[in-house]
Amino acid sequence: MNTTFQLNGKPVQTAVNQTVSALLEGQGIDPSQVVVEINRKIINRDVFETTVINPDDTVEVLRFVGGG
């Protein structure tokens, strides 16, 4: 069964009970290089493995880029 949520402003369909870690892995994103926000709340990296993305959640994956 699948569920739909918003990822960086776009609808995404994924498996029910997908964790933040599984989402990042599926997107090819290194979790040490991003900040993840769900429903405007920053999620601590320590709980990526256990934080489940729920239907209709709004997920933002933010990368920091250095420059000068």
N, C-alpha and C. Protein backbone atom coordinates (compact mmCIF):
# COMPACT_ATOMS: atom_id res chain seq x y z
N MET A 1 0.84 -1.18 0.00
CA MET A 1 0.00 0.00 0.00
C MET A 1 0.89 1.25 0.00
N ASN A 2 0.46 2.28 -0.69
CA ASN A 2 1.23 3.52 -0.80
C ASN A 2 0.54 4.66 -0.09
N THR A 3 1.32 5.70 0.18
CA THR A 3 0.82 6.92 0.77
C THR A 3 1.41 8.10 0.00
N THR A 4 0.78 9.25 0.10
CA THR A 4 1.26 10.44 -0.59
C THR A 4 1.57 11.53 0.42
N PHE A 5 2.70 12.21 0.21
CA PHE A 5 3.07 13.36 1.03
C PHE A 5 3.79 14.35 0.14
N GLN A 6 4.07 15.53 0.66
CA GLN A 6 4.78 16.57 -0.08
C GLN A 6 6.26 16.50 0.26
N LEU A 7 7.11 16.46 -0.76
CA LEU A 7 8.55 16.49 -0.58
C LEU A 7 9.09 17.68 -1.35
N ASN A 8 9.59 18.66 -0.62
CA ASN A 8 10.11 19.89 -1.22
C ASN A 8 9.11 20.49 -2.21
N GLY A 9 7.84 20.50 -1.79
CA GLY A 9 6.79 21.16 -2.57
C GLY A 9 6.17 20.32 -3.66
N LYS A 10 6.58 19.06 -3.80
CA LYS A 10 6.03 18.20 -4.86
C LYS A 10 5.42 16.95 -4.24
N PRO A 11 4.28 16.48 -4.78
CA PRO A 11 3.69 15.26 -4.25
C PRO A 11 4.57 14.05 -4.56
N VAL A 12 4.71 13.19 -3.56
CA VAL A 12 5.51 11.97 -3.70
C VAL A 12 4.67 10.81 -3.17
N GLN A 13 4.70 9.71 -3.90
CA GLN A 13 4.03 8.51 -3.44
C GLN A 13 5.08 7.52 -2.98
N THR A 14 4.86 6.94 -1.82
CA THR A 14 5.84 6.01 -1.26
C THR A 14 5.13 4.95 -0.44
N ALA A 15 5.87 3.99 0.03
CA ALA A 15 5.31 2.92 0.86
C ALA A 15 4.82 3.47 2.19
N VAL A 16 3.76 2.88 2.69
CA VAL A 16 3.26 3.24 4.01
C VAL A 16 4.33 2.92 5.05
N ASN A 17 4.42 3.75 6.08
CA ASN A 17 5.36 3.57 7.19
C ASN A 17 6.82 3.74 6.78
N GLN A 18 7.08 4.51 5.73
CA GLN A 18 8.47 4.78 5.34
C GLN A 18 9.10 5.74 6.34
N THR A 19 10.33 5.43 6.72
CA THR A 19 11.05 6.30 7.65
C THR A 19 11.81 7.38 6.89
N VAL A 20 12.26 8.37 7.63
CA VAL A 20 13.08 9.43 7.04
C VAL A 20 14.35 8.82 6.45
N SER A 21 14.98 7.89 7.16
CA SER A 21 16.19 7.24 6.65
C SER A 21 15.94 6.54 5.32
N ALA A 22 14.83 5.81 5.23
CA ALA A 22 14.51 5.10 3.99
C ALA A 22 14.24 6.08 2.85
N LEU A 23 13.58 7.18 3.16
CA LEU A 23 13.32 8.21 2.15
C LEU A 23 14.63 8.76 1.60
N LEU A 24 15.53 9.15 2.50
CA LEU A 24 16.80 9.71 2.07
C LEU A 24 17.61 8.71 1.25
N GLU A 25 17.64 7.47 1.72
CA GLU A 25 18.36 6.43 0.99
C GLU A 25 17.78 6.24 -0.41
N GLY A 26 16.46 6.21 -0.50
CA GLY A 26 15.80 6.05 -1.79
C GLY A 26 16.05 7.20 -2.75
N GLN A 27 16.30 8.39 -2.20
CA GLN A 27 16.57 9.57 -3.01
C GLN A 27 18.07 9.73 -3.28
N GLY A 28 18.89 8.84 -2.69
CA GLY A 28 20.34 8.93 -2.87
C GLY A 28 20.95 10.11 -2.14
N ILE A 29 20.37 10.46 -0.99
CA ILE A 29 20.81 11.61 -0.22
C ILE A 29 21.57 11.15 1.02
N ASP A 30 22.74 11.73 1.23
CA ASP A 30 23.55 11.44 2.42
C ASP A 30 22.93 12.18 3.61
N PRO A 31 22.44 11.46 4.62
CA PRO A 31 21.78 12.10 5.75
C PRO A 31 22.67 13.05 6.55
N SER A 32 23.98 12.87 6.46
CA SER A 32 24.87 13.75 7.22
C SER A 32 25.02 15.13 6.58
N GLN A 33 24.48 15.28 5.37
CA GLN A 33 24.65 16.55 4.64
C GLN A 33 23.35 17.34 4.50
N VAL A 34 22.29 16.91 5.21
CA VAL A 34 21.01 17.60 5.07
C VAL A 34 20.34 17.81 6.43
N VAL A 35 19.37 18.69 6.40
CA VAL A 35 18.45 18.88 7.53
C VAL A 35 17.08 18.48 6.99
N VAL A 36 16.32 17.72 7.79
CA VAL A 36 14.99 17.31 7.38
C VAL A 36 13.97 17.97 8.30
N GLU A 37 12.96 18.53 7.66
CA GLU A 37 11.88 19.19 8.39
C GLU A 37 10.58 18.50 7.99
N ILE A 38 9.78 18.13 8.97
CA ILE A 38 8.45 17.56 8.72
C ILE A 38 7.43 18.47 9.39
N ASN A 39 6.51 18.96 8.59
CA ASN A 39 5.46 19.85 9.08
C ASN A 39 6.04 21.01 9.89
N ARG A 40 7.10 21.60 9.33
CA ARG A 40 7.76 22.78 9.89
C ARG A 40 8.51 22.51 11.20
N LYS A 41 8.80 21.24 11.48
CA LYS A 41 9.56 20.87 12.68
C LYS A 41 10.82 20.14 12.24
N ILE A 42 11.98 20.63 12.67
CA ILE A 42 13.24 19.98 12.31
C ILE A 42 13.35 18.65 13.05
N ILE A 43 13.73 17.62 12.30
CA ILE A 43 13.86 16.27 12.84
C ILE A 43 15.33 16.01 13.15
N ASN A 44 15.61 15.59 14.36
CA ASN A 44 16.97 15.29 14.78
C ASN A 44 17.48 14.04 14.05
N ARG A 45 18.71 14.07 13.58
CA ARG A 45 19.29 12.92 12.86
C ARG A 45 19.22 11.63 13.69
N ASP A 46 19.27 11.76 14.99
CA ASP A 46 19.24 10.58 15.86
C ASP A 46 17.96 9.76 15.70
N VAL A 47 16.90 10.38 15.19
CA VAL A 47 15.62 9.67 15.08
C VAL A 47 15.18 9.46 13.62
N PHE A 48 16.07 9.68 12.65
CA PHE A 48 15.74 9.43 11.24
C PHE A 48 15.27 7.99 11.04
N GLU A 49 15.92 7.04 11.72
CA GLU A 49 15.60 5.61 11.56
C GLU A 49 14.20 5.26 12.08
N THR A 50 13.69 6.03 13.03
CA THR A 50 12.42 5.67 13.65
C THR A 50 11.29 6.65 13.34
N THR A 51 11.59 7.74 12.67
CA THR A 51 10.56 8.73 12.34
C THR A 51 9.86 8.32 11.06
N VAL A 52 8.57 8.04 11.17
CA VAL A 52 7.76 7.59 10.03
C VAL A 52 7.10 8.81 9.39
N ILE A 53 7.10 8.83 8.07
CA ILE A 53 6.43 9.89 7.32
C ILE A 53 4.97 9.48 7.14
N ASN A 54 4.08 10.32 7.59
CA ASN A 54 2.65 10.04 7.55
C ASN A 54 1.99 10.62 6.30
N PRO A 55 0.84 10.08 5.92
CA PRO A 55 0.12 10.65 4.79
C PRO A 55 -0.13 12.14 5.03
N ASP A 56 -0.02 12.90 3.98
CA ASP A 56 -0.27 14.34 4.00
C ASP A 56 0.78 15.15 4.77
N ASP A 57 1.88 14.52 5.20
CA ASP A 57 2.97 15.29 5.82
C ASP A 57 3.62 16.19 4.76
N THR A 58 4.20 17.27 5.21
CA THR A 58 5.00 18.13 4.36
C THR A 58 6.44 17.98 4.79
N VAL A 59 7.27 17.45 3.90
CA VAL A 59 8.67 17.15 4.20
C VAL A 59 9.55 18.07 3.36
N GLU A 60 10.50 18.70 4.02
CA GLU A 60 11.50 19.53 3.34
C GLU A 60 12.87 18.95 3.65
N VAL A 61 13.66 18.74 2.62
CA VAL A 61 15.04 18.28 2.78
C VAL A 61 15.92 19.44 2.32
N LEU A 62 16.68 19.98 3.27
CA LEU A 62 17.47 21.17 3.02
C LEU A 62 18.96 20.84 3.03
N ARG A 63 19.64 21.30 1.99
CA ARG A 63 21.09 21.13 1.91
C ARG A 63 21.75 22.49 2.13
N PHE A 64 22.83 22.47 2.86
CA PHE A 64 23.56 23.71 3.08
C PHE A 64 24.74 23.77 2.13
N VAL A 65 24.89 24.90 1.50
CA VAL A 65 25.95 25.09 0.53
C VAL A 65 26.83 26.22 1.01
N GLY A 66 28.12 25.95 1.11
CA GLY A 66 29.07 26.98 1.51
C GLY A 66 29.46 27.84 0.34
N GLY A 67 29.87 29.01 0.63
CA GLY A 67 30.30 29.91 -0.45
C GLY A 67 30.93 31.16 0.16
N GLY A 68 31.33 32.00 -0.70
CA GLY A 68 31.96 33.20 -0.16
C GLY A 68 32.02 34.31 -1.13
